[in-house]
């Protein structure tokens, strides 16, 4: 377990290399350039945060919190400023004690080897093109490495490619994939996938869904039907609804998230392709604007390239070695 946590921290460091050189390193340079803490510094900080996909409202609130602490604590140099900023980013990511407690209740489904139920039913949502299929494969691999028996349900029957991709991943991972023909009713696939998971003694059922937002009305109804099928099996199903977002799409991804949150509710976020962006502020925006915990981050293209999100690891990786960034 200790080795696994170390590897996850290492992967987070690697995934945030671009973000560290862009947002993190840029902020450090900014703090050093300003010999005095002035209004000009705060204006520049706001602009940098918005450019990093933190979002306008969240950026303004974050700068306001930092300014208040700087004034109250009498901070004078860039070392103090950086530490205050890191602490405030951490608070914005974790939220209030109640929010942190709620996030912990979500994370327990993903970080514990002793799952509280069997099968754990995970409904995965997200628009086409965000890396949803690959993210499902990574999560299946994550649980398989814990020694769990995993079943995948191919609920995106609109795209033939989605089903075939999951079958390929299933063969590679030694995981059963429950699928119907293209165009079949996703709700029927959900029913069969759950029955198969129970019959085969699976520990985890990961169910894929369609993500064509250009047909918003039908998409929402389709997702609700799938959700109802699981609810009919047991009132607490699905246990988790996980939204896959593409980190490289930045703040636009939040609008996607709101659609899914309204449709079926969302418990947490899998932030894919975080290694591909120099911004990374979307993590803070998700926590603040959506009030959702980031559960997984994508750290590369391989099956093992994901990490459970850890706030301290993220903030440390964002700024890295201050001397190296000088």
C-alpha atoms as a PDB file:
ATOM      1  CA  UNK A   1       0.000   0.000   0.000  1.00  0.00           C
ATOM      2  CA  UNK A   2       2.834   2.430   0.859  1.00  0.00           C
ATOM      3  CA  UNK A   3       4.528   1.684  -2.465  1.00  0.00           C
ATOM      4  CA  UNK A   4       1.249   2.242  -4.329  1.00  0.00           C
ATOM      5  CA  UNK A   5       0.751   5.635  -2.683  1.00  0.00           C
ATOM      6  CA  UNK A   6       4.324   6.595  -3.540  1.00  0.00           C
ATOM      7  CA  UNK A   7       3.784   5.609  -7.166  1.00  0.00           C
ATOM      8  CA  UNK A   8       0.564   7.634  -7.299  1.00  0.00           C
ATOM      9  CA  UNK A   9       2.361  10.709  -5.984  1.00  0.00           C
ATOM     10  CA  UNK A  10       5.137  10.180  -8.519  1.00  0.00           C
ATOM     11  CA  UNK A  11       2.589   9.885 -11.351  1.00  0.00           C
ATOM     12  CA  UNK A  12       0.868  13.075 -10.183  1.00  0.00           C
ATOM     13  CA  UNK A  13       4.225  14.872 -10.281  1.00  0.00           C
ATOM     14  CA  UNK A  14       4.833  13.620 -13.821  1.00  0.00           C
ATOM     15  CA  UNK A  15       1.314  14.413 -15.025  1.00  0.00           C
ATOM     16  CA  UNK A  16       1.522  17.994 -13.808  1.00  0.00           C
ATOM     17  CA  UNK A  17       4.864  18.729 -15.495  1.00  0.00           C
ATOM     18  CA  UNK A  18       3.224  20.963 -18.124  1.00  0.00           C
ATOM     19  CA  UNK A  19       0.984  22.619 -15.566  1.00  0.00           C
ATOM     20  CA  UNK A  20       3.937  23.213 -13.258  1.00  0.00           C
ATOM     21  CA  UNK A  21       5.932  24.863 -16.045  1.00  0.00           C
ATOM     22  CA  UNK A  22       2.917  26.913 -17.069  1.00  0.00           C
ATOM     23  CA  UNK A  23       0.614  27.889 -14.238  1.00  0.00           C
ATOM     24  CA  UNK A  24       2.682  26.917 -11.186  1.00  0.00           C
ATOM     25  CA  UNK A  25       6.024  28.214 -12.446  1.00  0.00           C
ATOM     26  CA  UNK A  26       4.383  31.321 -13.858  1.00  0.00           C
ATOM     27  CA  UNK A  27       2.894  32.200 -10.488  1.00  0.00           C
ATOM     28  CA  UNK A  28       6.212  31.705  -8.737  1.00  0.00           C
ATOM     29  CA  UNK A  29       7.901  33.980 -11.258  1.00  0.00           C
ATOM     30  CA  UNK A  30       5.163  36.552 -10.768  1.00  0.00           C
ATOM     31  CA  UNK A  31       5.544  36.547  -7.008  1.00  0.00           C
ATOM     32  CA  UNK A  32       9.302  37.016  -7.346  1.00  0.00           C
ATOM     33  CA  UNK A  33       9.036  39.864  -9.865  1.00  0.00           C
ATOM     34  CA  UNK A  34       6.992  41.986  -7.510  1.00  0.00           C
ATOM     35  CA  UNK A  35       9.275  43.234  -4.775  1.00  0.00           C
ATOM     36  CA  UNK A  36       6.264  44.696  -3.005  1.00  0.00           C
ATOM     37  CA  UNK A  37       2.736  43.375  -2.611  1.00  0.00           C
ATOM     38  CA  UNK A  38       0.647  45.879  -4.581  1.00  0.00           C
ATOM     39  CA  UNK A  39      -2.682  46.126  -6.377  1.00  0.00           C
ATOM     40  CA  UNK A  40      -0.799  45.431  -9.586  1.00  0.00           C
ATOM     41  CA  UNK A  41       0.246  42.025  -8.226  1.00  0.00           C
ATOM     42  CA  UNK A  42      -3.335  41.121  -7.319  1.00  0.00           C
ATOM     43  CA  UNK A  43      -4.606  42.151 -10.758  1.00  0.00           C
ATOM     44  CA  UNK A  44      -1.914  40.077 -12.435  1.00  0.00           C
ATOM     45  CA  UNK A  45      -2.694  37.111 -10.196  1.00  0.00           C
ATOM     46  CA  UNK A  46      -6.392  37.260 -11.094  1.00  0.00           C
ATOM     47  CA  UNK A  47      -5.558  37.287 -14.804  1.00  0.00           C
ATOM     48  CA  UNK A  48      -3.169  34.352 -14.422  1.00  0.00           C
ATOM     49  CA  UNK A  49      -5.751  32.270 -12.582  1.00  0.00           C
ATOM     50  CA  UNK A  50      -8.471  32.946 -15.147  1.00  0.00           C
ATOM     51  CA  UNK A  51      -6.024  32.041 -17.928  1.00  0.00           C
ATOM     52  CA  UNK A  52      -5.293  28.774 -16.096  1.00  0.00           C
ATOM     53  CA  UNK A  53      -8.989  27.760 -16.297  1.00  0.00           C
ATOM     54  CA  UNK A  54      -9.712  28.428 -12.639  1.00  0.00           C
ATOM     55  CA  UNK A  55     -12.721  30.498 -13.734  1.00  0.00           C
ATOM     56  CA  UNK A  56     -13.565  34.152 -13.167  1.00  0.00           C
ATOM     57  CA  UNK A  57     -15.645  33.853  -9.999  1.00  0.00           C
ATOM     58  CA  UNK A  58     -13.377  31.299  -8.366  1.00  0.00           C
ATOM     59  CA  UNK A  59     -10.277  33.314  -9.298  1.00  0.00           C
ATOM     60  CA  UNK A  60     -11.707  36.480  -7.746  1.00  0.00           C
ATOM     61  CA  UNK A  61     -12.660  34.622  -4.561  1.00  0.00           C
ATOM     62  CA  UNK A  62      -9.268  32.941  -4.312  1.00  0.00           C
ATOM     63  CA  UNK A  63      -7.372  36.229  -4.703  1.00  0.00           C
ATOM     64  CA  UNK A  64      -9.679  37.866  -2.170  1.00  0.00           C
ATOM     65  CA  UNK A  65      -8.930  35.123   0.373  1.00  0.00           C
ATOM     66  CA  UNK A  66      -5.182  35.396  -0.207  1.00  0.00           C
ATOM     67  CA  UNK A  67      -5.270  39.209   0.081  1.00  0.00           C
ATOM     68  CA  UNK A  68      -7.178  39.002   3.347  1.00  0.00           C
ATOM     69  CA  UNK A  69      -4.671  36.601   4.880  1.00  0.00           C
ATOM     70  CA  UNK A  70      -1.687  38.612   3.632  1.00  0.00           C
ATOM     71  CA  UNK A  71      -3.116  41.724   5.278  1.00  0.00           C
ATOM     72  CA  UNK A  72      -4.075  40.002   8.526  1.00  0.00           C
ATOM     73  CA  UNK A  73      -0.799  38.095   8.876  1.00  0.00           C
ATOM     74  CA  UNK A  74       1.429  40.944   7.733  1.00  0.00           C
ATOM     75  CA  UNK A  75       3.111  38.866   5.008  1.00  0.00           C
ATOM     76  CA  UNK A  76       5.923  40.755   3.284  1.00  0.00           C
ATOM     77  CA  UNK A  77       8.011  38.473   1.056  1.00  0.00           C
ATOM     78  CA  UNK A  78       7.302  36.016  -1.725  1.00  0.00           C
ATOM     79  CA  UNK A  79       7.987  32.990   0.495  1.00  0.00           C
ATOM     80  CA  UNK A  80       5.139  33.947   2.801  1.00  0.00           C
ATOM     81  CA  UNK A  81       2.914  34.754  -0.158  1.00  0.00           C
ATOM     82  CA  UNK A  82       3.502  31.393  -1.819  1.00  0.00           C
ATOM     83  CA  UNK A  83       2.756  29.474   1.368  1.00  0.00           C
ATOM     84  CA  UNK A  84      -0.464  31.412   1.941  1.00  0.00           C
ATOM     85  CA  UNK A  85      -1.490  30.868  -1.677  1.00  0.00           C
ATOM     86  CA  UNK A  86      -0.836  27.103  -1.450  1.00  0.00           C
ATOM     87  CA  UNK A  87      -2.854  26.867   1.755  1.00  0.00           C
ATOM     88  CA  UNK A  88      -5.777  28.747   0.203  1.00  0.00           C
ATOM     89  CA  UNK A  89      -5.707  26.568  -2.931  1.00  0.00           C
ATOM     90  CA  UNK A  90      -5.811  23.543  -0.634  1.00  0.00           C
ATOM     91  CA  UNK A  91      -8.822  24.970   1.189  1.00  0.00           C
ATOM     92  CA  UNK A  92     -10.605  25.720  -2.082  1.00  0.00           C
ATOM     93  CA  UNK A  93     -10.019  22.132  -3.191  1.00  0.00           C
ATOM     94  CA  UNK A  94     -11.152  20.553   0.074  1.00  0.00           C
ATOM     95  CA  UNK A  95     -13.959  22.975   0.944  1.00  0.00           C
ATOM     96  CA  UNK A  96     -15.700  23.145   4.297  1.00  0.00           C
ATOM     97  CA  UNK A  97     -15.414  20.292   6.811  1.00  0.00           C
ATOM     98  CA  UNK A  98     -18.835  19.094   5.646  1.00  0.00           C
ATOM     99  CA  UNK A  99     -17.722  19.103   2.008  1.00  0.00           C
ATOM    100  CA  UNK A 100     -14.491  17.312   2.887  1.00  0.00           C
ATOM    101  CA  UNK A 101     -16.495  14.668   4.747  1.00  0.00           C
ATOM    102  CA  UNK A 102     -18.790  14.197   1.750  1.00  0.00           C
ATOM    103  CA  UNK A 103     -15.773  13.859  -0.548  1.00  0.00           C
ATOM    104  CA  UNK A 104     -14.265  11.222   1.737  1.00  0.00           C
ATOM    105  CA  UNK A 105     -17.503   9.234   1.473  1.00  0.00           C
ATOM    106  CA  UNK A 106     -17.077   9.280  -2.314  1.00  0.00           C
ATOM    107  CA  UNK A 107     -13.372   8.404  -2.313  1.00  0.00           C
ATOM    108  CA  UNK A 108     -13.903   5.338  -0.132  1.00  0.00           C
ATOM    109  CA  UNK A 109     -15.454   3.527  -3.096  1.00  0.00           C
ATOM    110  CA  UNK A 110     -12.278   3.920  -5.097  1.00  0.00           C
ATOM    111  CA  UNK A 111      -9.402   3.695  -2.646  1.00  0.00           C
ATOM    112  CA  UNK A 112     -10.455   0.807  -0.420  1.00  0.00           C
ATOM    113  CA  UNK A 113      -9.596  -2.772  -1.263  1.00  0.00           C
ATOM    114  CA  UNK A 114     -12.479  -3.995   0.896  1.00  0.00           C
ATOM    115  CA  UNK A 115     -15.494  -2.663  -0.971  1.00  0.00           C
ATOM    116  CA  UNK A 116     -18.591  -2.334   1.235  1.00  0.00           C
ATOM    117  CA  UNK A 117     -20.907  -4.031  -1.289  1.00  0.00           C
ATOM    118  CA  UNK A 118     -20.760  -6.606  -4.056  1.00  0.00           C
ATOM    119  CA  UNK A 119     -21.087  -5.806  -6.854  1.00  0.00           C
ATOM    120  CA  UNK A 120     -20.119  -2.151  -6.611  1.00  0.00           C
ATOM    121  CA  UNK A 121     -22.042  -0.517  -9.472  1.00  0.00           C
ATOM    122  CA  UNK A 122     -20.298   2.432 -11.105  1.00  0.00           C
ATOM    123  CA  UNK A 123     -22.157   4.414 -13.768  1.00  0.00           C
ATOM    124  CA  UNK A 124     -19.752   6.359 -16.004  1.00  0.00           C
ATOM    125  CA  UNK A 125     -20.956   9.426 -17.922  1.00  0.00           C
ATOM    126  CA  UNK A 126     -19.318  12.006 -20.175  1.00  0.00           C
ATOM    127  CA  UNK A 127     -19.459  13.432 -23.677  1.00  0.00           C
ATOM    128  CA  UNK A 128     -17.896  11.691 -26.653  1.00  0.00           C
ATOM    129  CA  UNK A 129     -14.221  12.389 -27.142  1.00  0.00           C
ATOM    130  CA  UNK A 130     -13.216  13.006 -23.526  1.00  0.00           C
ATOM    131  CA  UNK A 131     -11.428   9.671 -23.176  1.00  0.00           C
ATOM    132  CA  UNK A 132     -14.286   7.865 -21.435  1.00  0.00           C
ATOM    133  CA  UNK A 133     -13.596   4.417 -22.907  1.00  0.00           C
ATOM    134  CA  UNK A 134      -9.898   4.524 -22.018  1.00  0.00           C
ATOM    135  CA  UNK A 135     -10.753   5.834 -18.546  1.00  0.00           C
ATOM    136  CA  UNK A 136     -13.101   2.879 -18.005  1.00  0.00           C
ATOM    137  CA  UNK A 137     -10.309   0.508 -19.012  1.00  0.00           C
ATOM    138  CA  UNK A 138      -7.955   2.215 -16.542  1.00  0.00           C
ATOM    139  CA  UNK A 139     -10.487   1.864 -13.727  1.00  0.00           C
ATOM    140  CA  UNK A 140     -11.104  -1.781 -14.597  1.00  0.00           C
ATOM    141  CA  UNK A 141      -7.357  -2.317 -14.424  1.00  0.00           C
ATOM    142  CA  UNK A 142      -7.249  -0.412 -11.113  1.00  0.00           C
ATOM    143  CA  UNK A 143      -9.745  -2.818  -9.536  1.00  0.00           C
ATOM    144  CA  UNK A 144      -8.319  -5.909 -11.224  1.00  0.00           C
ATOM    145  CA  UNK A 145      -4.945  -5.118  -9.651  1.00  0.00           C
ATOM    146  CA  UNK A 146      -6.703  -5.119  -6.275  1.00  0.00           C
ATOM    147  CA  UNK A 147      -7.744  -8.685  -7.053  1.00  0.00           C
ATOM    148  CA  UNK A 148     -11.340  -7.741  -7.852  1.00  0.00           C
ATOM    149  CA  UNK A 149     -13.468  -9.470 -10.464  1.00  0.00           C
ATOM    150  CA  UNK A 150     -14.702  -6.758 -12.844  1.00  0.00           C
ATOM    151  CA  UNK A 151     -17.531  -6.711 -15.390  1.00  0.00           C
ATOM    152  CA  UNK A 152     -17.959  -3.886 -17.916  1.00  0.00           C
ATOM    153  CA  UNK A 153     -21.335  -2.955 -19.383  1.00  0.00           C
ATOM    154  CA  UNK A 154     -21.203  -1.448 -22.887  1.00  0.00           C
ATOM    155  CA  UNK A 155     -24.123   0.966 -22.606  1.00  0.00           C
ATOM    156  CA  UNK A 156     -23.085   3.332 -25.403  1.00  0.00           C
ATOM    157  CA  UNK A 157     -24.999   1.435 -28.066  1.00  0.00           C
ATOM    158  CA  UNK A 158     -25.161   4.494 -30.318  1.00  0.00           C
ATOM    159  CA  UNK A 159     -21.498   4.174 -31.326  1.00  0.00           C
ATOM    160  CA  UNK A 160     -20.386   0.781 -32.596  1.00  0.00           C
ATOM    161  CA  UNK A 161     -16.788   1.847 -32.012  1.00  0.00           C
ATOM    162  CA  UNK A 162     -17.444   2.325 -28.297  1.00  0.00           C
ATOM    163  CA  UNK A 163     -18.609  -1.267 -27.892  1.00  0.00           C
ATOM    164  CA  UNK A 164     -15.731  -2.675 -29.922  1.00  0.00           C
ATOM    165  CA  UNK A 165     -13.180  -0.635 -28.006  1.00  0.00           C
ATOM    166  CA  UNK A 166     -14.513  -1.960 -24.712  1.00  0.00           C
ATOM    167  CA  UNK A 167     -14.383  -5.514 -26.050  1.00  0.00           C
ATOM    168  CA  UNK A 168     -10.747  -5.035 -27.033  1.00  0.00           C
ATOM    169  CA  UNK A 169      -9.935  -3.664 -23.582  1.00  0.00           C
ATOM    170  CA  UNK A 170     -11.893  -6.496 -21.981  1.00  0.00           C
ATOM    171  CA  UNK A 171      -9.877  -9.110 -23.874  1.00  0.00           C
ATOM    172  CA  UNK A 172      -6.651  -7.390 -22.918  1.00  0.00           C
ATOM    173  CA  UNK A 173      -7.593  -7.170 -19.237  1.00  0.00           C
ATOM    174  CA  UNK A 174      -9.338 -10.539 -18.971  1.00  0.00           C
ATOM    175  CA  UNK A 175     -12.561  -8.735 -18.039  1.00  0.00           C
ATOM    176  CA  UNK A 176     -16.073  -9.740 -19.162  1.00  0.00           C
ATOM    177  CA  UNK A 177     -17.840  -7.159 -21.334  1.00  0.00           C
ATOM    178  CA  UNK A 178     -21.637  -7.322 -21.548  1.00  0.00           C
ATOM    179  CA  UNK A 179     -22.849  -5.829 -24.826  1.00  0.00           C
ATOM    180  CA  UNK A 180     -25.785  -5.839 -27.231  1.00  0.00           C
ATOM    181  CA  UNK A 181     -25.852  -4.985 -30.906  1.00  0.00           C
ATOM    182  CA  UNK A 182     -25.523  -1.387 -32.077  1.00  0.00           C
ATOM    183  CA  UNK A 183     -28.710   0.601 -31.597  1.00  0.00           C
ATOM    184  CA  UNK A 184     -30.006  -1.592 -28.776  1.00  0.00           C
ATOM    185  CA  UNK A 185     -31.766  -0.077 -25.763  1.00  0.00           C
ATOM    186  CA  UNK A 186     -29.055   0.956 -23.237  1.00  0.00           C
ATOM    187  CA  UNK A 187     -31.487   0.239 -20.400  1.00  0.00           C
ATOM    188  CA  UNK A 188     -31.716  -3.392 -21.543  1.00  0.00           C
ATOM    189  CA  UNK A 189     -27.923  -3.587 -21.544  1.00  0.00           C
ATOM    190  CA  UNK A 190     -27.892  -2.181 -18.016  1.00  0.00           C
ATOM    191  CA  UNK A 191     -30.308  -4.872 -16.830  1.00  0.00           C
ATOM    192  CA  UNK A 192     -28.305  -7.683 -18.444  1.00  0.00           C
ATOM    193  CA  UNK A 193     -24.995  -6.291 -17.217  1.00  0.00           C
ATOM    194  CA  UNK A 194     -26.203  -6.180 -13.617  1.00  0.00           C
ATOM    195  CA  UNK A 195     -27.657  -9.688 -13.792  1.00  0.00           C
ATOM    196  CA  UNK A 196     -24.400 -10.968 -15.288  1.00  0.00           C
ATOM    197  CA  UNK A 197     -22.334  -9.230 -12.617  1.00  0.00           C
ATOM    198  CA  UNK A 198     -24.388 -10.849  -9.866  1.00  0.00           C
ATOM    199  CA  UNK A 199     -24.422 -14.288 -11.514  1.00  0.00           C
ATOM    200  CA  UNK A 200     -20.659 -14.246 -12.100  1.00  0.00           C
ATOM    201  CA  UNK A 201     -19.821 -13.068  -8.608  1.00  0.00           C
ATOM    202  CA  UNK A 202     -18.289  -9.808  -9.802  1.00  0.00           C
ATOM    203  CA  UNK A 203     -16.976  -7.326  -7.282  1.00  0.00           C
ATOM    204  CA  UNK A 204     -17.314  -4.332  -9.582  1.00  0.00           C
ATOM    205  CA  UNK A 205     -19.624  -3.441 -12.480  1.00  0.00           C
ATOM    206  CA  UNK A 206     -18.486  -0.455 -14.556  1.00  0.00           C
ATOM    207  CA  UNK A 207     -21.228   0.693 -16.908  1.00  0.00           C
ATOM    208  CA  UNK A 208     -20.537   2.940 -19.912  1.00  0.00           C
ATOM    209  CA  UNK A 209     -23.144   5.374 -21.262  1.00  0.00           C
ATOM    210  CA  UNK A 210     -23.700   7.451 -24.401  1.00  0.00           C
ATOM    211  CA  UNK A 211     -22.363  10.987 -24.533  1.00  0.00           C
ATOM    212  CA  UNK A 212     -23.790  12.799 -27.523  1.00  0.00           C
ATOM    213  CA  UNK A 213     -24.681  16.176 -26.086  1.00  0.00           C
ATOM    214  CA  UNK A 214     -25.911  17.507 -29.431  1.00  0.00           C
ATOM    215  CA  UNK A 215     -29.065  15.473 -28.751  1.00  0.00           C
ATOM    216  CA  UNK A 216     -29.425  16.710 -25.195  1.00  0.00           C
ATOM    217  CA  UNK A 217     -33.077  15.789 -24.637  1.00  0.00           C
ATOM    218  CA  UNK A 218     -32.819  12.148 -25.745  1.00  0.00           C
ATOM    219  CA  UNK A 219     -29.484  11.787 -23.947  1.00  0.00           C
ATOM    220  CA  UNK A 220     -30.948  12.865 -20.630  1.00  0.00           C
ATOM    221  CA  UNK A 221     -33.931  10.550 -20.956  1.00  0.00           C
ATOM    222  CA  UNK A 222     -31.656   7.675 -21.950  1.00  0.00           C
ATOM    223  CA  UNK A 223     -29.451   8.227 -18.912  1.00  0.00           C
ATOM    224  CA  UNK A 224     -32.461   8.452 -16.631  1.00  0.00           C
ATOM    225  CA  UNK A 225     -33.812   5.172 -17.982  1.00  0.00           C
ATOM    226  CA  UNK A 226     -30.490   3.461 -17.300  1.00  0.00           C
ATOM    227  CA  UNK A 227     -30.436   4.953 -13.820  1.00  0.00           C
ATOM    228  CA  UNK A 228     -33.969   3.693 -13.148  1.00  0.00           C
ATOM    229  CA  UNK A 229     -33.063   0.166 -14.283  1.00  0.00           C
ATOM    230  CA  UNK A 230     -30.346   0.025 -11.645  1.00  0.00           C
ATOM    231  CA  UNK A 231     -32.647   1.540  -9.016  1.00  0.00           C
ATOM    232  CA  UNK A 232     -35.176  -1.210  -9.651  1.00  0.00           C
ATOM    233  CA  UNK A 233     -32.560  -3.802  -8.789  1.00  0.00           C
ATOM    234  CA  UNK A 234     -31.789  -2.062  -5.509  1.00  0.00           C
ATOM    235  CA  UNK A 235     -32.672   1.371  -4.142  1.00  0.00           C
ATOM    236  CA  UNK A 236     -29.022   2.272  -3.553  1.00  0.00           C
ATOM    237  CA  UNK A 237     -27.960   1.623  -7.169  1.00  0.00           C
ATOM    238  CA  UNK A 238     -25.927   2.860  -8.879  1.00  0.00           C
ATOM    239  CA  UNK A 239     -23.577   3.325  -5.960  1.00  0.00           C
ATOM    240  CA  UNK A 240     -21.592   5.995  -7.773  1.00  0.00           C
ATOM    241  CA  UNK A 241     -22.011   8.163 -10.882  1.00  0.00           C
ATOM    242  CA  UNK A 242     -18.605   9.240 -12.155  1.00  0.00           C
ATOM    243  CA  UNK A 243     -18.217  11.985 -14.750  1.00  0.00           C
ATOM    244  CA  UNK A 244     -15.246  11.854 -17.126  1.00  0.00           C
ATOM    245  CA  UNK A 245     -13.992  15.313 -18.126  1.00  0.00           C
ATOM    246  CA  UNK A 246     -11.190  16.183 -20.522  1.00  0.00           C
ATOM    247  CA  UNK A 247      -8.783  18.519 -18.692  1.00  0.00           C
ATOM    248  CA  UNK A 248      -7.616  20.025 -21.972  1.00  0.00           C
ATOM    249  CA  UNK A 249     -11.103  21.430 -22.716  1.00  0.00           C
ATOM    250  CA  UNK A 250     -10.789  23.656 -19.686  1.00  0.00           C
ATOM    251  CA  UNK A 251     -13.691  25.641 -18.342  1.00  0.00           C
ATOM    252  CA  UNK A 252     -16.034  24.530 -21.123  1.00  0.00           C
ATOM    253  CA  UNK A 253     -16.089  21.121 -19.462  1.00  0.00           C
ATOM    254  CA  UNK A 254     -18.003  22.587 -16.539  1.00  0.00           C
ATOM    255  CA  UNK A 255     -20.999  23.236 -18.757  1.00  0.00           C
ATOM    256  CA  UNK A 256     -20.953  19.596 -19.814  1.00  0.00           C
ATOM    257  CA  UNK A 257     -20.809  18.602 -16.169  1.00  0.00           C
ATOM    258  CA  UNK A 258     -23.871  20.641 -15.282  1.00  0.00           C
ATOM    259  CA  UNK A 259     -25.940  18.797 -17.902  1.00  0.00           C
ATOM    260  CA  UNK A 260     -25.023  15.389 -16.475  1.00  0.00           C
ATOM    261  CA  UNK A 261     -25.392  16.555 -12.893  1.00  0.00           C
ATOM    262  CA  UNK A 262     -28.921  17.719 -13.659  1.00  0.00           C
ATOM    263  CA  UNK A 263     -29.779  14.529 -15.545  1.00  0.00           C
ATOM    264  CA  UNK A 264     -28.702  11.789 -13.162  1.00  0.00           C
ATOM    265  CA  UNK A 265     -26.637  13.416 -10.444  1.00  0.00           C
ATOM    266  CA  UNK A 266     -22.871  13.083 -10.302  1.00  0.00           C
ATOM    267  CA  UNK A 267     -20.822  11.951  -7.313  1.00  0.00           C
ATOM    268  CA  UNK A 268     -17.292  12.591  -8.545  1.00  0.00           C
ATOM    269  CA  UNK A 269     -15.049  13.388 -11.494  1.00  0.00           C
ATOM    270  CA  UNK A 270     -12.433  11.460 -13.445  1.00  0.00           C
ATOM    271  CA  UNK A 271     -10.245  14.218 -14.913  1.00  0.00           C
ATOM    272  CA  UNK A 272      -8.705  12.668 -18.025  1.00  0.00           C
ATOM    273  CA  UNK A 273      -5.706  13.959 -19.996  1.00  0.00           C
ATOM    274  CA  UNK A 274      -4.432  16.153 -17.159  1.00  0.00           C
ATOM    275  CA  UNK A 275      -0.922  15.421 -18.411  1.00  0.00           C
ATOM    276  CA  UNK A 276      -1.802  17.127 -21.692  1.00  0.00           C
ATOM    277  CA  UNK A 277      -2.523  20.635 -20.395  1.00  0.00           C
ATOM    278  CA  UNK A 278      -0.345  23.466 -19.130  1.00  0.00           C
ATOM    279  CA  UNK A 279      -3.273  24.949 -17.230  1.00  0.00           C
ATOM    280  CA  UNK A 280      -4.733  22.532 -14.683  1.00  0.00           C
ATOM    281  CA  UNK A 281      -6.772  25.166 -12.855  1.00  0.00           C
ATOM    282  CA  UNK A 282      -9.898  23.283 -13.892  1.00  0.00           C
ATOM    283  CA  UNK A 283      -9.335  21.097 -10.812  1.00  0.00           C
ATOM    284  CA  UNK A 284     -10.013  24.089  -8.556  1.00  0.00           C
ATOM    285  CA  UNK A 285     -13.013  25.160 -10.647  1.00  0.00           C
ATOM    286  CA  UNK A 286     -14.554  21.688 -10.401  1.00  0.00           C
ATOM    287  CA  UNK A 287     -14.237  21.711  -6.629  1.00  0.00           C
ATOM    288  CA  UNK A 288     -15.623  25.234  -6.232  1.00  0.00           C
ATOM    289  CA  UNK A 289     -18.232  25.594  -8.959  1.00  0.00           C
ATOM    290  CA  UNK A 290     -19.544  22.042  -9.159  1.00  0.00           C
ATOM    291  CA  UNK A 291     -18.961  21.064  -5.533  1.00  0.00           C
ATOM    292  CA  UNK A 292     -17.687  17.713  -6.769  1.00  0.00           C
ATOM    293  CA  UNK A 293     -14.559  15.855  -5.701  1.00  0.00           C
ATOM    294  CA  UNK A 294     -11.999  14.864  -8.317  1.00  0.00           C
ATOM    295  CA  UNK A 295     -11.555  11.120  -7.751  1.00  0.00           C
ATOM    296  CA  UNK A 296      -9.113  10.065 -10.469  1.00  0.00           C
ATOM    297  CA  UNK A 297      -6.702  11.993 -12.667  1.00  0.00           C
ATOM    298  CA  UNK A 298      -5.406  10.681 -15.966  1.00  0.00           C
ATOM    299  CA  UNK A 299      -1.609  10.779 -15.958  1.00  0.00           C
ATOM    300  CA  UNK A 300      -0.832   9.363 -19.406  1.00  0.00           C
ATOM    301  CA  UNK A 301      -2.048   7.014 -22.129  1.00  0.00           C
ATOM    302  CA  UNK A 302      -1.153   3.650 -20.559  1.00  0.00           C
ATOM    303  CA  UNK A 303      -3.451   1.430 -18.514  1.00  0.00           C
ATOM    304  CA  UNK A 304      -1.531   2.235 -15.336  1.00  0.00           C
ATOM    305  CA  UNK A 305      -1.567   5.959 -16.002  1.00  0.00           C
ATOM    306  CA  UNK A 306      -4.106   7.099 -13.461  1.00  0.00           C
ATOM    307  CA  UNK A 307      -3.911   8.200  -9.863  1.00  0.00           C
ATOM    308  CA  UNK A 308      -6.387   8.675  -7.088  1.00  0.00           C
ATOM    309  CA  UNK A 309      -6.573  12.409  -6.563  1.00  0.00           C
ATOM    310  CA  UNK A 310      -4.834  13.721  -3.458  1.00  0.00           C
ATOM    311  CA  UNK A 311      -5.057  17.417  -2.624  1.00  0.00           C
ATOM    312  CA  UNK A 312      -1.638  17.697  -0.984  1.00  0.00           C
ATOM    313  CA  UNK A 313       0.034  15.806  -3.829  1.00  0.00           C
ATOM    314  CA  UNK A 314      -1.669  18.065  -6.368  1.00  0.00           C
ATOM    315  CA  UNK A 315      -0.631  21.311  -4.673  1.00  0.00           C
ATOM    316  CA  UNK A 316       2.935  20.079  -4.115  1.00  0.00           C
ATOM    317  CA  UNK A 317       3.199  18.905  -7.706  1.00  0.00           C
ATOM    318  CA  UNK A 318       1.775  22.186  -8.981  1.00  0.00           C
ATOM    319  CA  UNK A 319       4.597  24.223  -7.501  1.00  0.00           C
ATOM    320  CA  UNK A 320       7.285  21.548  -7.302  1.00  0.00           C
ATOM    321  CA  UNK A 321      10.761  22.547  -6.259  1.00  0.00           C
ATOM    322  CA  UNK A 322      10.798  26.303  -5.824  1.00  0.00           C
ATOM    323  CA  UNK A 323      14.520  26.531  -6.427  1.00  0.00           C
ATOM    324  CA  UNK A 324      14.208  24.559  -9.651  1.00  0.00           C
ATOM    325  CA  UNK A 325      11.465  26.866 -10.817  1.00  0.00           C
ATOM    326  CA  UNK A 326      13.584  29.955 -10.205  1.00  0.00           C
END
